[in-house]
Each structure stands twice: as C-alpha cells, then as structure tokens.
Amino acid sequence: MVEPGAYHEKVDDTDLDSAALPPAPGDEQYVALALANTTIALPGGQFTDLLGTPAAATDWLVGQGLAPVDAGLQEMCAGLVRSLREQVRVLLASRSCSDPAPRSALDAVNEALSKAPTAELLRWDPVRGLYRTASHPITQIVEHALATLAANAADLLTGPDAERIAACGSPPCTRFFLRNGRRQWCSVRCGDRARAARAYARRSQPAGVAQR
C-alpha cells in the first residue's frame, strides 16, 4: 500500500519561505506558542527569524496586539523578546518529552512575569500640570508584552493542553504544535516532506535488505 504523499520524489521548498508556512496548530490559541515558532528552520539550510531585527520584532508584537504600531523597539528590547522566546522553547521541549523543566528557563519566565508594569508615575509640568505617565514608555510596552507572553506560556504549560504539546517530527523543522490524535507534524507541508523522505529511503535500500 502506498502511503499518501509517497509518490513525491522530493518536496521542493526552494521557492517557499516562512510566509508560505501556515500557523502551527495551537499558534492562534496560545500566543506563547506563536512566539516559540517565530524561529523557523527550512530545508536547504534556510532559516528565518521573525524577531530577527527591531523592526521585525515590533511588527510581530503589533500583529499580536502587544504593542502599538509606533512602538519603535530598539535592539535591546527586541533582544529581550528573543531571549524569552528561547526560554519558552526550552520549556516546551522539556514538556513535550516529559523531562524536568530546567531551572534557568523557569527563572527567566518568572522574571518576565514579575516585571509587568503596575502603575504610571505622577509627574508635574508647568504647562500640563499634574499628569501620569510611564517611567519609560517603550520599556513599559516591552515589559508588558513580556509579562503577557510569559503568563500565556505558564497557562499553556500547566493547563489542559499541556499534554498535547509536541515538536514537529519532520526535520529540519523546529516548530512546536498542539497534537490532535497521532499527528506528528506541524503542517501538511512538513508531513509530505517526512513521508517523501521515508519513501525515498525505502526505495534506496539495496535489494534484499529487510525493510522495517
């Protein structure tokens, strides 16, 4: 019996980039999962980082409703978002394998949670009089975004969907997703590539070699 997709000799991804990759199952439900999946490995050694520059990080946060369009993040703030992403990925990976959660990742997420801004400061201006504002508006925007992302990650990792966290089983993809049933891949594209690779490996075996 021929597996669905096994007729593909090769899945050609050279003309596809990360924009062609659909959201992984769970991305639209958990913003923390979407954060983890902003680093994308593609066939042929291609790599995309949706937070790779301050402008890209700003656009992503704006798209998630976590920053205003004029936020204008600088590299230091974008780096904080990327750093949290890596720690969330560590926790997702450990949870998907039922391994102990690394203390350093837990500390990073808890630090982000504890930095949520709670109040604006009271200030005086000769023209405006008394008014309230953040100590540093951009910093406050980023800290609020980090706290929101960290809280969402904590909810995912401790909630009813935690048992469904899985890593895509189609190298080189490094995305995470929420598994439904026995699904092993984050997208049809990754599933087709994995099935094609298995079919090619079977056809490439020397005659007489037992197939598993």
Foldseek 3Di string as FASTA:
>chain_A
DADVLQVDLAQDCPPPDPVPPDFFACCVVFVLLVLLQQWWADPPRDIGHQLPAQQSVLVSCVVVVLDDNPLRDHPVLSVLSVVLSVLLLQLLVCLQVVHDRDPVSVVSLVVLLVQQDDAFDWDADPVPGIDTHHPDVSVNSSSNSSNSSSVSSVCCCPDPQSNQWAAAPQPPTGHIHGDDDPDRHRDVSSVSRVSNVVSNVVVPDDPPDDDD
